[in-house]
Amino acid sequence: MTECAATGPAGAAGKPALADRPLVTPAQAAEVVGLFKVLGNDTRLRLLHAMHREGEVTVGELAQQVGLRVQAVSNQLQRLSDRGMVTTRRDGARIWYSIADPCIPAVLDLALCLIEESARP
């Protein structure tokens, strides 16, 4: 098996390596489950990837990229915002969305690496 390109979220965010951390507590495990529930939606994953690729984007631009109605995208962005994964910036009447959490791109990269590696014969 080849090595994934992702350096891992800990290194990207300046946090200790997973092997150097204490064992995950039940409360932390529950938070991770909640995180995966938010990430466990194909639209939200595509929105995060689009934001990573583009930097800042409006709801309309995201809707066009993922082929959904603006209202549907707005609802999904609210869930990501509630979790602190995305942030907004207002410029007049426009609201720009971007990834707020520096770990998100590494998580997406690792997830894609995992599915690409598991698909190999």
PDB file of N, CA and C in Angstrom:
ATOM      1  N   MET A   1       0.845  -1.178   0.000  1.00  0.00           N
ATOM      2  CA  MET A   1       0.000   0.000   0.000  1.00  0.00           C
ATOM      3  C   MET A   1       0.886   1.235   0.000  1.00  0.00           C
ATOM      4  N   THR A   2       0.495   2.233  -0.791  1.00  0.00           N
ATOM      5  CA  THR A   2       1.275   3.458  -0.847  1.00  0.00           C
ATOM      6  C   THR A   2       0.872   4.393   0.279  1.00  0.00           C
ATOM      7  N   GLU A   3       1.733   5.342   0.547  1.00  0.00           N
ATOM      8  CA  GLU A   3       1.480   6.299   1.619  1.00  0.00           C
ATOM      9  C   GLU A   3       0.566   7.416   1.143  1.00  0.00           C
ATOM     10  N   CYS A   4      -0.337   7.860   2.019  1.00  0.00           N
ATOM     11  CA  CYS A   4      -1.238   8.959   1.677  1.00  0.00           C
ATOM     12  C   CYS A   4      -0.465  10.267   1.625  1.00  0.00           C
ATOM     13  N   ALA A   5      -0.940  11.174   0.796  1.00  0.00           N
ATOM     14  CA  ALA A   5      -0.317  12.485   0.673  1.00  0.00           C
ATOM     15  C   ALA A   5      -0.611  13.364   1.877  1.00  0.00           C
ATOM     16  N   ALA A   6      -1.698  13.077   2.603  1.00  0.00           N
ATOM     17  CA  ALA A   6      -2.085  13.917   3.742  1.00  0.00           C
ATOM     18  C   ALA A   6      -1.048  13.813   4.851  1.00  0.00           C
ATOM     19  N   THR A   7      -0.712  14.937   5.424  1.00  0.00           N
ATOM     20  CA  THR A   7       0.214  14.942   6.546  1.00  0.00           C
ATOM     21  C   THR A   7      -0.531  14.723   7.850  1.00  0.00           C
ATOM     22  N   GLY A   8      -1.829  14.774   7.798  1.00  0.00           N
ATOM     23  CA  GLY A   8      -2.654  14.578   8.985  1.00  0.00           C
ATOM     24  C   GLY A   8      -3.041  15.900   9.592  1.00  0.00           C
ATOM     25  N   PRO A   9      -4.224  15.937  10.184  1.00  0.00           N
ATOM     26  CA  PRO A   9      -4.725  17.181  10.736  1.00  0.00           C
ATOM     27  C   PRO A   9      -3.912  17.705  11.908  1.00  0.00           C
ATOM     28  N   ALA A  10      -3.323  16.834  12.702  1.00  0.00           N
ATOM     29  CA  ALA A  10      -2.575  17.307  13.872  1.00  0.00           C
ATOM     30  C   ALA A  10      -1.381  18.152  13.445  1.00  0.00           C
ATOM     31  N   GLY A  11      -0.600  17.620  12.508  1.00  0.00           N
ATOM     32  CA  GLY A  11       0.562  18.372  12.046  1.00  0.00           C
ATOM     33  C   GLY A  11       0.185  19.663  11.366  1.00  0.00           C
ATOM     34  N   ALA A  12      -0.919  19.641  10.613  1.00  0.00           N
ATOM     35  CA  ALA A  12      -1.364  20.838   9.909  1.00  0.00           C
ATOM     36  C   ALA A  12      -1.838  21.914  10.877  1.00  0.00           C
ATOM     37  N   ALA A  13      -2.335  21.507  12.028  1.00  0.00           N
ATOM     38  CA  ALA A  13      -2.875  22.476  12.989  1.00  0.00           C
ATOM     39  C   ALA A  13      -1.900  22.745  14.134  1.00  0.00           C
ATOM     40  N   GLY A  14      -0.689  22.202  14.054  1.00  0.00           N
ATOM     41  CA  GLY A  14       0.302  22.435  15.098  1.00  0.00           C
ATOM     42  C   GLY A  14      -0.011  21.719  16.399  1.00  0.00           C
ATOM     43  N   LYS A  15      -0.693  20.601  16.329  1.00  0.00           N
ATOM     44  CA  LYS A  15      -1.075  19.833  17.517  1.00  0.00           C
ATOM     45  C   LYS A  15      -0.216  18.589  17.614  1.00  0.00           C
ATOM     46  N   PRO A  16      -0.181  17.970  18.805  1.00  0.00           N
ATOM     47  CA  PRO A  16       0.636  16.758  18.954  1.00  0.00           C
ATOM     48  C   PRO A  16       0.144  15.632  18.041  1.00  0.00           C
ATOM     49  N   ALA A  17       1.058  14.764  17.676  1.00  0.00           N
ATOM     50  CA  ALA A  17       0.706  13.602  16.860  1.00  0.00           C
ATOM     51  C   ALA A  17      -0.256  12.715  17.640  1.00  0.00           C
ATOM     52  N   LEU A  18      -1.079  11.991  16.927  1.00  0.00           N
ATOM     53  CA  LEU A  18      -2.086  11.131  17.544  1.00  0.00           C
ATOM     54  C   LEU A  18      -1.453  10.148  18.529  1.00  0.00           C
ATOM     55  N   ALA A  19      -0.325   9.565  18.180  1.00  0.00           N
ATOM     56  CA  ALA A  19       0.331   8.593  19.055  1.00  0.00           C
ATOM     57  C   ALA A  19       0.835   9.228  20.347  1.00  0.00           C
ATOM     58  N   ASP A  20       1.026  10.542  20.356  1.00  0.00           N
ATOM     59  CA  ASP A  20       1.533  11.234  21.537  1.00  0.00           C
ATOM     60  C   ASP A  20       0.426  11.767  22.440  1.00  0.00           C
ATOM     61  N   ARG A  21      -0.819  11.609  22.045  1.00  0.00           N
ATOM     62  CA  ARG A  21      -1.937  12.108  22.845  1.00  0.00           C
ATOM     63  C   ARG A  21      -2.409  11.037  23.830  1.00  0.00           C
ATOM     64  N   PRO A  22      -3.026  11.472  24.945  1.00  0.00           N
ATOM     65  CA  PRO A  22      -3.624  10.490  25.859  1.00  0.00           C
ATOM     66  C   PRO A  22      -4.781   9.769  25.157  1.00  0.00           C
ATOM     67  N   LEU A  23      -5.159   8.618  25.686  1.00  0.00           N
ATOM     68  CA  LEU A  23      -6.260   7.846  25.131  1.00  0.00           C
ATOM     69  C   LEU A  23      -7.517   8.707  25.081  1.00  0.00           C
ATOM     70  N   VAL A  24      -8.256   8.605  23.998  1.00  0.00           N
ATOM     71  CA  VAL A  24      -9.480   9.369  23.806  1.00  0.00           C
ATOM     72  C   VAL A  24     -10.463   9.046  24.930  1.00  0.00           C
ATOM     73  N   THR A  25     -11.016  10.105  25.525  1.00  0.00           N
ATOM     74  CA  THR A  25     -12.007   9.925  26.595  1.00  0.00           C
ATOM     75  C   THR A  25     -13.369   9.624  25.975  1.00  0.00           C
ATOM     76  N   PRO A  26     -14.306   9.098  26.763  1.00  0.00           N
ATOM     77  CA  PRO A  26     -15.654   8.883  26.231  1.00  0.00           C
ATOM     78  C   PRO A  26     -16.289  10.175  25.714  1.00  0.00           C
ATOM     79  N   ALA A  27     -16.068  11.282  26.379  1.00  0.00           N
ATOM     80  CA  ALA A  27     -16.628  12.560  25.930  1.00  0.00           C
ATOM     81  C   ALA A  27     -16.014  12.978  24.593  1.00  0.00           C
ATOM     82  N   GLN A  28     -14.704  12.805  24.448  1.00  0.00           N
ATOM     83  CA  GLN A  28     -14.060  13.136  23.178  1.00  0.00           C
ATOM     84  C   GLN A  28     -14.565  12.220  22.059  1.00  0.00           C
ATOM     85  N   ALA A  29     -14.734  10.944  22.371  1.00  0.00           N
ATOM     86  CA  ALA A  29     -15.235  10.000  21.369  1.00  0.00           C
ATOM     87  C   ALA A  29     -16.628  10.418  20.904  1.00  0.00           C
ATOM     88  N   ALA A  30     -17.463  10.860  21.837  1.00  0.00           N
ATOM     89  CA  ALA A  30     -18.809  11.319  21.474  1.00  0.00           C
ATOM     90  C   ALA A  30     -18.740  12.553  20.588  1.00  0.00           C
ATOM     91  N   GLU A  31     -17.799  13.454  20.859  1.00  0.00           N
ATOM     92  CA  GLU A  31     -17.631  14.641  20.008  1.00  0.00           C
ATOM     93  C   GLU A  31     -17.171  14.259  18.609  1.00  0.00           C
ATOM     94  N   VAL A  32     -16.286  13.279  18.518  1.00  0.00           N
ATOM     95  CA  VAL A  32     -15.816  12.823  17.202  1.00  0.00           C
ATOM     96  C   VAL A  32     -16.970  12.204  16.425  1.00  0.00           C
ATOM     97  N   VAL A  33     -17.812  11.447  17.104  1.00  0.00           N
ATOM     98  CA  VAL A  33     -18.985  10.869  16.451  1.00  0.00           C
ATOM     99  C   VAL A  33     -19.876  11.988  15.901  1.00  0.00           C
ATOM    100  N   GLY A  34     -20.085  13.040  16.702  1.00  0.00           N
ATOM    101  CA  GLY A  34     -20.873  14.187  16.240  1.00  0.00           C
ATOM    102  C   GLY A  34     -20.239  14.851  15.029  1.00  0.00           C
ATOM    103  N   LEU A  35     -18.925  14.970  15.046  1.00  0.00           N
ATOM    104  CA  LEU A  35     -18.202  15.546  13.908  1.00  0.00           C
ATOM    105  C   LEU A  35     -18.422  14.708  12.655  1.00  0.00           C
ATOM    106  N   PHE A  36     -18.288  13.386  12.796  1.00  0.00           N
ATOM    107  CA  PHE A  36     -18.473  12.518  11.636  1.00  0.00           C
ATOM    108  C   PHE A  36     -19.918  12.535  11.137  1.00  0.00           C
ATOM    109  N   LYS A  37     -20.861  12.762  12.025  1.00  0.00           N
ATOM    110  CA  LYS A  37     -22.252  12.890  11.580  1.00  0.00           C
ATOM    111  C   LYS A  37     -22.415  14.120  10.701  1.00  0.00           C
ATOM    112  N   VAL A  38     -21.763  15.220  11.074  1.00  0.00           N
ATOM    113  CA  VAL A  38     -21.826  16.427  10.248  1.00  0.00           C
ATOM    114  C   VAL A  38     -21.110  16.183   8.925  1.00  0.00           C
ATOM    115  N   LEU A  39     -19.965  15.526   8.964  1.00  0.00           N
ATOM    116  CA  LEU A  39     -19.206  15.249   7.745  1.00  0.00           C
ATOM    117  C   LEU A  39     -19.823  14.116   6.926  1.00  0.00           C
ATOM    118  N   GLY A  40     -20.720  13.345   7.529  1.00  0.00           N
ATOM    119  CA  GLY A  40     -21.326  12.201   6.859  1.00  0.00           C
ATOM    120  C   GLY A  40     -22.463  12.578   5.931  1.00  0.00           C
ATOM    121  N   ASN A  41     -22.284  13.621   5.159  1.00  0.00           N
ATOM    122  CA  ASN A  41     -23.291  14.086   4.219  1.00  0.00           C
ATOM    123  C   ASN A  41     -22.572  14.480   2.933  1.00  0.00           C
ATOM    124  N   ASP A  42     -22.979  13.893   1.831  1.00  0.00           N
ATOM    125  CA  ASP A  42     -22.246  14.136   0.582  1.00  0.00           C
ATOM    126  C   ASP A  42     -22.270  15.598   0.163  1.00  0.00           C
ATOM    127  N   THR A  43     -23.376  16.284   0.379  1.00  0.00           N
ATOM    128  CA  THR A  43     -23.433  17.700  -0.003  1.00  0.00           C
ATOM    129  C   THR A  43     -22.468  18.525   0.834  1.00  0.00           C
ATOM    130  N   ARG A  44     -22.449  18.307   2.138  1.00  0.00           N
ATOM    131  CA  ARG A  44     -21.550  19.090   2.990  1.00  0.00           C
ATOM    132  C   ARG A  44     -20.089  18.818   2.640  1.00  0.00           C
ATOM    133  N   LEU A  45     -19.753  17.575   2.331  1.00  0.00           N
ATOM    134  CA  LEU A  45     -18.372  17.264   1.927  1.00  0.00           C
ATOM    135  C   LEU A  45     -18.009  17.998   0.631  1.00  0.00           C
ATOM    136  N   ARG A  46     -18.923  18.019  -0.316  1.00  0.00           N
ATOM    137  CA  ARG A  46     -18.658  18.705  -1.577  1.00  0.00           C
ATOM    138  C   ARG A  46     -18.539  20.207  -1.370  1.00  0.00           C
ATOM    139  N   LEU A  47     -19.365  20.768  -0.475  1.00  0.00           N
ATOM    140  CA  LEU A  47     -19.273  22.200  -0.185  1.00  0.00           C
ATOM    141  C   LEU A  47     -17.931  22.545   0.444  1.00  0.00           C
ATOM    142  N   LEU A  48     -17.496  21.728   1.392  1.00  0.00           N
ATOM    143  CA  LEU A  48     -16.195  21.970   2.032  1.00  0.00           C
ATOM    144  C   LEU A  48     -15.063  21.881   1.010  1.00  0.00           C
ATOM    145  N   HIS A  49     -15.144  20.898   0.132  1.00  0.00           N
ATOM    146  CA  HIS A  49     -14.097  20.757  -0.880  1.00  0.00           C
ATOM    147  C   HIS A  49     -14.095  21.960  -1.822  1.00  0.00           C
ATOM    148  N   ALA A  50     -15.283  22.412  -2.225  1.00  0.00           N
ATOM    149  CA  ALA A  50     -15.372  23.588  -3.093  1.00  0.00           C
ATOM    150  C   ALA A  50     -14.791  24.820  -2.403  1.00  0.00           C
ATOM    151  N   MET A  51     -15.094  24.988  -1.117  1.00  0.00           N
ATOM    152  CA  MET A  51     -14.534  26.133  -0.385  1.00  0.00           C
ATOM    153  C   MET A  51     -13.024  26.036  -0.278  1.00  0.00           C
ATOM    154  N   HIS A  52     -12.516  24.834  -0.067  1.00  0.00           N
ATOM    155  CA  HIS A  52     -11.059  24.674   0.009  1.00  0.00           C
ATOM    156  C   HIS A  52     -10.411  25.029  -1.334  1.00  0.00           C
ATOM    157  N   ARG A  53     -11.019  24.596  -2.406  1.00  0.00           N
ATOM    158  CA  ARG A  53     -10.465  24.870  -3.745  1.00  0.00           C
ATOM    159  C   ARG A  53     -10.537  26.340  -4.120  1.00  0.00           C
ATOM    160  N   GLU A  54     -11.634  27.002  -3.748  1.00  0.00           N
ATOM    161  CA  GLU A  54     -11.877  28.378  -4.175  1.00  0.00           C
ATOM    162  C   GLU A  54     -11.465  29.433  -3.155  1.00  0.00           C
ATOM    163  N   GLY A  55     -11.325  29.065  -1.900  1.00  0.00           N
ATOM    164  CA  GLY A  55     -11.078  30.052  -0.850  1.00  0.00           C
ATOM    165  C   GLY A  55     -12.396  30.564  -0.328  1.00  0.00           C
ATOM    166  N   GLU A  56     -12.745  31.772  -0.675  1.00  0.00           N
ATOM    167  CA  GLU A  56     -14.031  32.339  -0.275  1.00  0.00           C
ATOM    168  C   GLU A  56     -15.032  32.233  -1.432  1.00  0.00           C
ATOM    169  N   VAL A  57     -16.255  31.840  -1.104  1.00  0.00           N
ATOM    170  CA  VAL A  57     -17.299  31.721  -2.122  1.00  0.00           C
ATOM    171  C   VAL A  57     -18.642  32.148  -1.543  1.00  0.00           C
ATOM    172  N   THR A  58     -19.525  32.574  -2.413  1.00  0.00           N
ATOM    173  CA  THR A  58     -20.881  32.929  -1.999  1.00  0.00           C
ATOM    174  C   THR A  58     -21.768  31.696  -2.089  1.00  0.00           C
ATOM    175  N   VAL A  59     -22.944  31.786  -1.472  1.00  0.00           N
ATOM    176  CA  VAL A  59     -23.897  30.684  -1.523  1.00  0.00           C
ATOM    177  C   VAL A  59     -24.277  30.395  -2.970  1.00  0.00           C
ATOM    178  N   GLY A  60     -24.497  31.446  -3.751  1.00  0.00           N
ATOM    179  CA  GLY A  60     -24.861  31.258  -5.150  1.00  0.00           C
ATOM    180  C   GLY A  60     -23.794  30.526  -5.945  1.00  0.00           C
ATOM    181  N   GLU A  61     -22.537  30.884  -5.702  1.00  0.00           N
ATOM    182  CA  GLU A  61     -21.433  30.206  -6.397  1.00  0.00           C
ATOM    183  C   GLU A  61     -21.351  28.739  -5.980  1.00  0.00           C
ATOM    184  N   LEU A  62     -21.523  28.488  -4.682  1.00  0.00           N
ATOM    185  CA  LEU A  62     -21.499  27.103  -4.210  1.00  0.00           C
ATOM    186  C   LEU A  62     -22.652  26.307  -4.802  1.00  0.00           C
ATOM    187  N   ALA A  63     -23.843  26.903  -4.841  1.00  0.00           N
ATOM    188  CA  ALA A  63     -25.009  26.219  -5.394  1.00  0.00           C
ATOM    189  C   ALA A  63     -24.765  25.831  -6.847  1.00  0.00           C
ATOM    190  N   GLN A  64     -24.164  26.734  -7.588  1.00  0.00           N
ATOM    191  CA  GLN A  64     -23.872  26.451  -8.991  1.00  0.00           C
ATOM    192  C   GLN A  64     -22.846  25.323  -9.110  1.00  0.00           C
ATOM    193  N   GLN A  65     -21.820  25.350  -8.278  1.00  0.00           N
ATOM    194  CA  GLN A  65     -20.770  24.326  -8.354  1.00  0.00           C
ATOM    195  C   GLN A  65     -21.287  22.939  -8.026  1.00  0.00           C
ATOM    196  N   VAL A  66     -22.167  22.829  -7.026  1.00  0.00           N
ATOM    197  CA  VAL A  66     -22.639  21.497  -6.613  1.00  0.00           C
ATOM    198  C   VAL A  66     -23.983  21.126  -7.240  1.00  0.00           C
ATOM    199  N   GLY A  67     -24.572  22.052  -8.003  1.00  0.00           N
ATOM    200  CA  GLY A  67     -25.800  21.748  -8.715  1.00  0.00           C
ATOM    201  C   GLY A  67     -27.038  21.640  -7.835  1.00  0.00           C
ATOM    202  N   LEU A  68     -27.112  22.481  -6.808  1.00  0.00           N
ATOM    203  CA  LEU A  68     -28.262  22.482  -5.909  1.00  0.00           C
ATOM    204  C   LEU A  68     -28.865  23.876  -5.827  1.00  0.00           C
ATOM    205  N   ARG A  69     -30.072  23.946  -5.282  1.00  0.00           N
ATOM    206  CA  ARG A  69     -30.715  25.238  -5.067  1.00  0.00           C
ATOM    207  C   ARG A  69     -29.985  25.998  -3.962  1.00  0.00           C
ATOM    208  N   VAL A  70     -30.045  27.318  -4.035  1.00  0.00           N
ATOM    209  CA  VAL A  70     -29.391  28.175  -3.042  1.00  0.00           C
ATOM    210  C   VAL A  70     -29.893  27.855  -1.637  1.00  0.00           C
ATOM    211  N   GLN A  71     -31.198  27.647  -1.480  1.00  0.00           N
ATOM    212  CA  GLN A  71     -31.753  27.357  -0.151  1.00  0.00           C
ATOM    213  C   GLN A  71     -31.190  26.054   0.422  1.00  0.00           C
ATOM    214  N   ALA A  72     -31.035  25.036  -0.410  1.00  0.00           N
ATOM    215  CA  ALA A  72     -30.476  23.759   0.053  1.00  0.00           C
ATOM    216  C   ALA A  72     -29.029  23.946   0.507  1.00  0.00           C
ATOM    217  N   VAL A  73     -28.265  24.701  -0.261  1.00  0.00           N
ATOM    218  CA  VAL A  73     -26.867  24.963   0.100  1.00  0.00           C
ATOM    219  C   VAL A  73     -26.802  25.782   1.379  1.00  0.00           C
ATOM    220  N   SER A  74     -27.651  26.774   1.492  1.00  0.00           N
ATOM    221  CA  SER A  74     -27.683  27.612   2.683  1.00  0.00           C
ATOM    222  C   SER A  74     -27.974  26.787   3.939  1.00  0.00           C
ATOM    223  N   ASN A  75     -28.900  25.842   3.828  1.00  0.00           N
ATOM    224  CA  ASN A  75     -29.210  24.974   4.974  1.00  0.00           C
ATOM    225  C   ASN A  75     -27.999  24.140   5.385  1.00  0.00           C
ATOM    226  N   GLN A  76     -27.278  23.612   4.416  1.00  0.00           N
ATOM    227  CA  GLN A  76     -26.098  22.801   4.725  1.00  0.00           C
ATOM    228  C   GLN A  76     -24.964  23.660   5.290  1.00  0.00           C
ATOM    229  N   LEU A  77     -24.816  24.869   4.775  1.00  0.00           N
ATOM    230  CA  LEU A  77     -23.797  25.782   5.298  1.00  0.00           C
ATOM    231  C   LEU A  77     -24.087  26.146   6.750  1.00  0.00           C
ATOM    232  N   GLN A  78     -25.363  26.257   7.093  1.00  0.00           N
ATOM    233  CA  GLN A  78     -25.720  26.562   8.479  1.00  0.00           C
ATOM    234  C   GLN A  78     -25.257  25.452   9.414  1.00  0.00           C
ATOM    235  N   ARG A  79     -25.412  24.213   8.998  1.00  0.00           N
ATOM    236  CA  ARG A  79     -24.947  23.084   9.824  1.00  0.00           C
ATOM    237  C   ARG A  79     -23.431  23.116   9.999  1.00  0.00           C
ATOM    238  N   LEU A  80     -22.727  23.437   8.920  1.00  0.00           N
ATOM    239  CA  LEU A  80     -21.263  23.531   9.000  1.00  0.00           C
ATOM    240  C   LEU A  80     -20.845  24.715   9.868  1.00  0.00           C
ATOM    241  N   SER A  81     -21.569  25.793   9.767  1.00  0.00           N
ATOM    242  CA  SER A  81     -21.288  26.981  10.577  1.00  0.00           C
ATOM    243  C   SER A  81     -21.549  26.710  12.055  1.00  0.00           C
ATOM    244  N   ASP A  82     -22.650  26.022  12.347  1.00  0.00           N
ATOM    245  CA  ASP A  82     -22.976  25.680  13.741  1.00  0.00           C
ATOM    246  C   ASP A  82     -21.866  24.864  14.388  1.00  0.00           C
ATOM    247  N   ARG A  83     -21.195  24.054  13.597  1.00  0.00           N
ATOM    248  CA  ARG A  83     -20.108  23.202  14.093  1.00  0.00           C
ATOM    249  C   ARG A  83     -18.761  23.941  14.108  1.00  0.00           C
ATOM    250  N   GLY A  84     -18.722  25.166  13.571  1.00  0.00           N
ATOM    251  CA  GLY A  84     -17.491  25.951  13.549  1.00  0.00           C
ATOM    252  C   GLY A  84     -16.542  25.583  12.423  1.00  0.00           C
ATOM    253  N   MET A  85     -17.053  24.870  11.435  1.00  0.00           N
ATOM    254  CA  MET A  85     -16.202  24.444  10.321  1.00  0.00           C
ATOM    255  C   MET A  85     -16.047  25.519   9.265  1.00  0.00           C
ATOM    256  N   VAL A  86     -17.050  26.376   9.129  1.00  0.00           N
ATOM    257  CA  VAL A  86     -16.979  27.458   8.153  1.00  0.00           C
ATOM    258  C   VAL A  86     -17.218  28.794   8.838  1.00  0.00           C
ATOM    259  N   THR A  87     -16.760  29.828   8.207  1.00  0.00           N
ATOM    260  CA  THR A  87     -16.933  31.187   8.709  1.00  0.00           C
ATOM    261  C   THR A  87     -17.479  32.049   7.584  1.00  0.00           C
ATOM    262  N   THR A  88     -17.997  33.208   7.948  1.00  0.00           N
ATOM    263  CA  THR A  88     -18.562  34.110   6.952  1.00  0.00           C
ATOM    264  C   THR A  88     -17.920  35.485   7.050  1.00  0.00           C
ATOM    265  N   ARG A  89     -17.997  36.189   5.919  1.00  0.00           N
ATOM    266  CA  ARG A  89     -17.555  37.576   5.857  1.00  0.00           C
ATOM    267  C   ARG A  89     -18.554  38.315   4.987  1.00  0.00           C
ATOM    268  N   ARG A  90     -19.096  39.404   5.520  1.00  0.00           N
ATOM    269  CA  ARG A  90     -20.073  40.198   4.761  1.00  0.00           C
ATOM    270  C   ARG A  90     -19.353  41.306   4.002  1.00  0.00           C
ATOM    271  N   ASP A  91     -19.732  41.447   2.741  1.00  0.00           N
ATOM    272  CA  ASP A  91     -19.213  42.505   1.884  1.00  0.00           C
ATOM    273  C   ASP A  91     -20.429  43.145   1.216  1.00  0.00           C
ATOM    274  N   GLY A  92     -20.977  44.175   1.839  1.00  0.00           N
ATOM    275  CA  GLY A  92     -22.211  44.776   1.344  1.00  0.00           C
ATOM    276  C   GLY A  92     -23.353  43.800   1.512  1.00  0.00           C
ATOM    277  N   ALA A  93     -24.004  43.465   0.419  1.00  0.00           N
ATOM    278  CA  ALA A  93     -25.126  42.537   0.455  1.00  0.00           C
ATOM    279  C   ALA A  93     -24.681  41.079   0.305  1.00  0.00           C
ATOM    280  N   ARG A  94     -23.435  40.870  -0.025  1.00  0.00           N
ATOM    281  CA  ARG A  94     -22.931  39.506  -0.251  1.00  0.00           C
ATOM    282  C   ARG A  94     -22.297  38.940   1.009  1.00  0.00           C
ATOM    283  N   ILE A  95     -22.509  37.649   1.202  1.00  0.00           N
ATOM    284  CA  ILE A  95     -21.873  36.930   2.297  1.00  0.00           C
ATOM    285  C   ILE A  95     -20.936  35.899   1.684  1.00  0.00           C
ATOM    286  N   TRP A  96     -19.698  35.947   2.110  1.00  0.00           N
ATOM    287  CA  TRP A  96     -18.672  35.034   1.615  1.00  0.00           C
ATOM    288  C   TRP A  96     -18.416  33.962   2.661  1.00  0.00           C
ATOM    289  N   TYR A  97     -18.339  32.726   2.217  1.00  0.00           N
ATOM    290  CA  TYR A  97     -18.090  31.584   3.092  1.00  0.00           C
ATOM    291  C   TYR A  97     -16.698  31.038   2.834  1.00  0.00           C
ATOM    292  N   SER A  98     -16.053  30.587   3.908  1.00  0.00           N
ATOM    293  CA  SER A  98     -14.746  29.937   3.785  1.00  0.00           C
ATOM    294  C   SER A  98     -14.576  28.951   4.939  1.00  0.00           C
ATOM    295  N   ILE A  99     -13.612  28.087   4.799  1.00  0.00           N
ATOM    296  CA  ILE A  99     -13.331  27.094   5.843  1.00  0.00           C
ATOM    297  C   ILE A  99     -12.672  27.800   7.018  1.00  0.00           C
ATOM    298  N   ALA A 100     -13.198  27.556   8.215  1.00  0.00           N
ATOM    299  CA  ALA A 100     -12.681  28.197   9.419  1.00  0.00           C
ATOM    300  C   ALA A 100     -11.676  27.311  10.155  1.00  0.00           C
ATOM    301  N   ASP A 101     -11.854  26.018  10.068  1.00  0.00           N
ATOM    302  CA  ASP A 101     -11.048  25.077  10.841  1.00  0.00           C
ATOM    303  C   ASP A 101      -9.889  24.563   9.985  1.00  0.00           C
ATOM    304  N   PRO A 102      -8.645  24.796  10.405  1.00  0.00           N
ATOM    305  CA  PRO A 102      -7.503  24.380   9.582  1.00  0.00           C
ATOM    306  C   PRO A 102      -7.356  22.863   9.456  1.00  0.00           C
ATOM    307  N   CYS A 103      -8.080  22.096  10.250  1.00  0.00           N
ATOM    308  CA  CYS A 103      -8.002  20.637  10.160  1.00  0.00           C
ATOM    309  C   CYS A 103      -8.875  20.065   9.040  1.00  0.00           C
ATOM    310  N   ILE A 104      -9.869  20.817   8.607  1.00  0.00           N
ATOM    311  CA  ILE A 104     -10.827  20.299   7.624  1.00  0.00           C
ATOM    312  C   ILE A 104     -10.157  19.841   6.323  1.00  0.00           C
ATOM    313  N   PRO A 105      -9.299  20.655   5.688  1.00  0.00           N
ATOM    314  CA  PRO A 105      -8.686  20.172   4.439  1.00  0.00           C
ATOM    315  C   PRO A 105      -7.905  18.869   4.627  1.00  0.00           C
ATOM    316  N   ALA A 106      -7.213  18.730   5.741  1.00  0.00           N
ATOM    317  CA  ALA A 106      -6.446  17.500   5.976  1.00  0.00           C
ATOM    318  C   ALA A 106      -7.373  16.303   6.174  1.00  0.00           C
ATOM    319  N   VAL A 107      -8.506  16.511   6.843  1.00  0.00           N
ATOM    320  CA  VAL A 107      -9.478  15.423   7.035  1.00  0.00           C
ATOM    321  C   VAL A 107     -10.041  14.995   5.672  1.00  0.00           C
ATOM    322  N   LEU A 108     -10.401  15.964   4.839  1.00  0.00           N
ATOM    323  CA  LEU A 108     -10.910  15.640   3.508  1.00  0.00           C
ATOM    324  C   LEU A 108      -9.855  14.913   2.677  1.00  0.00           C
ATOM    325  N   ASP A 109      -8.630  15.392   2.737  1.00  0.00           N
ATOM    326  CA  ASP A 109      -7.545  14.774   1.985  1.00  0.00           C
ATOM    327  C   ASP A 109      -7.327  13.334   2.450  1.00  0.00           C
ATOM    328  N   LEU A 110      -7.327  13.133   3.745  1.00  0.00           N
ATOM    329  CA  LEU A 110      -7.133  11.781   4.284  1.00  0.00           C
ATOM    330  C   LEU A 110      -8.292  10.870   3.907  1.00  0.00           C
ATOM    331  N   ALA A 111      -9.517  11.378   3.966  1.00  0.00           N
ATOM    332  CA  ALA A 111     -10.680  10.565   3.600  1.00  0.00           C
ATOM    333  C   ALA A 111     -10.595  10.129   2.134  1.00  0.00           C
ATOM    334  N   LEU A 112     -10.224  11.065   1.252  1.00  0.00           N
ATOM    335  CA  LEU A 112     -10.078  10.708  -0.158  1.00  0.00           C
ATOM    336  C   LEU A 112      -8.951   9.706  -0.349  1.00  0.00           C
ATOM    337  N   CYS A 113      -7.877   9.880   0.390  1.00  0.00           N
ATOM    338  CA  CYS A 113      -6.761   8.934   0.325  1.00  0.00           C
ATOM    339  C   CYS A 113      -7.223   7.536   0.730  1.00  0.00           C
ATOM    340  N   LEU A 114      -8.009   7.459   1.793  1.00  0.00           N
ATOM    341  CA  LEU A 114      -8.490   6.162   2.286  1.00  0.00           C
ATOM    342  C   LEU A 114      -9.369   5.461   1.260  1.00  0.00           C
ATOM    343  N   ILE A 115     -10.270   6.213   0.623  1.00  0.00           N
ATOM    344  CA  ILE A 115     -11.141   5.541  -0.360  1.00  0.00           C
ATOM    345  C   ILE A 115     -10.378   5.170  -1.624  1.00  0.00           C
ATOM    346  N   GLU A 116      -9.402   5.981  -1.996  1.00  0.00           N
ATOM    347  CA  GLU A 116      -8.607   5.642  -3.176  1.00  0.00           C
ATOM    348  C   GLU A 116      -7.736   4.420  -2.911  1.00  0.00           C
ATOM    349  N   GLU A 117      -7.172   4.342  -1.722  1.00  0.00           N
ATOM    350  CA  GLU A 117      -6.324   3.188  -1.384  1.00  0.00           C
ATOM    351  C   GLU A 117      -7.138   1.903  -1.243  1.00  0.00           C
ATOM    352  N   SER A 118      -8.330   2.017  -0.656  1.00  0.00           N
ATOM    353  CA  SER A 118      -9.146   0.799  -0.456  1.00  0.00           C
ATOM    354  C   SER A 118      -9.738   0.312  -1.772  1.00  0.00           C
ATOM    355  N   ALA A 119      -9.774   1.154  -2.795  1.00  0.00           N
ATOM    356  CA  ALA A 119     -10.305   0.751  -4.093  1.00  0.00           C
ATOM    357  C   ALA A 119      -9.271  -0.003  -4.928  1.00  0.00           C
ATOM    358  N   ARG A 120      -8.018   0.026  -4.506  1.00  0.00           N
ATOM    359  CA  ARG A 120      -6.957  -0.658  -5.264  1.00  0.00           C
ATOM    360  C   ARG A 120      -7.059  -2.159  -5.051  1.00  0.00           C
ATOM    361  N   PRO A 121      -6.761  -2.939  -6.098  1.00  0.00           N
ATOM    362  CA  PRO A 121      -6.810  -4.419  -5.971  1.00  0.00           C
ATOM    363  C   PRO A 121      -5.714  -4.961  -5.084  1.00  0.00           C
TER     364      PRO A 121
END
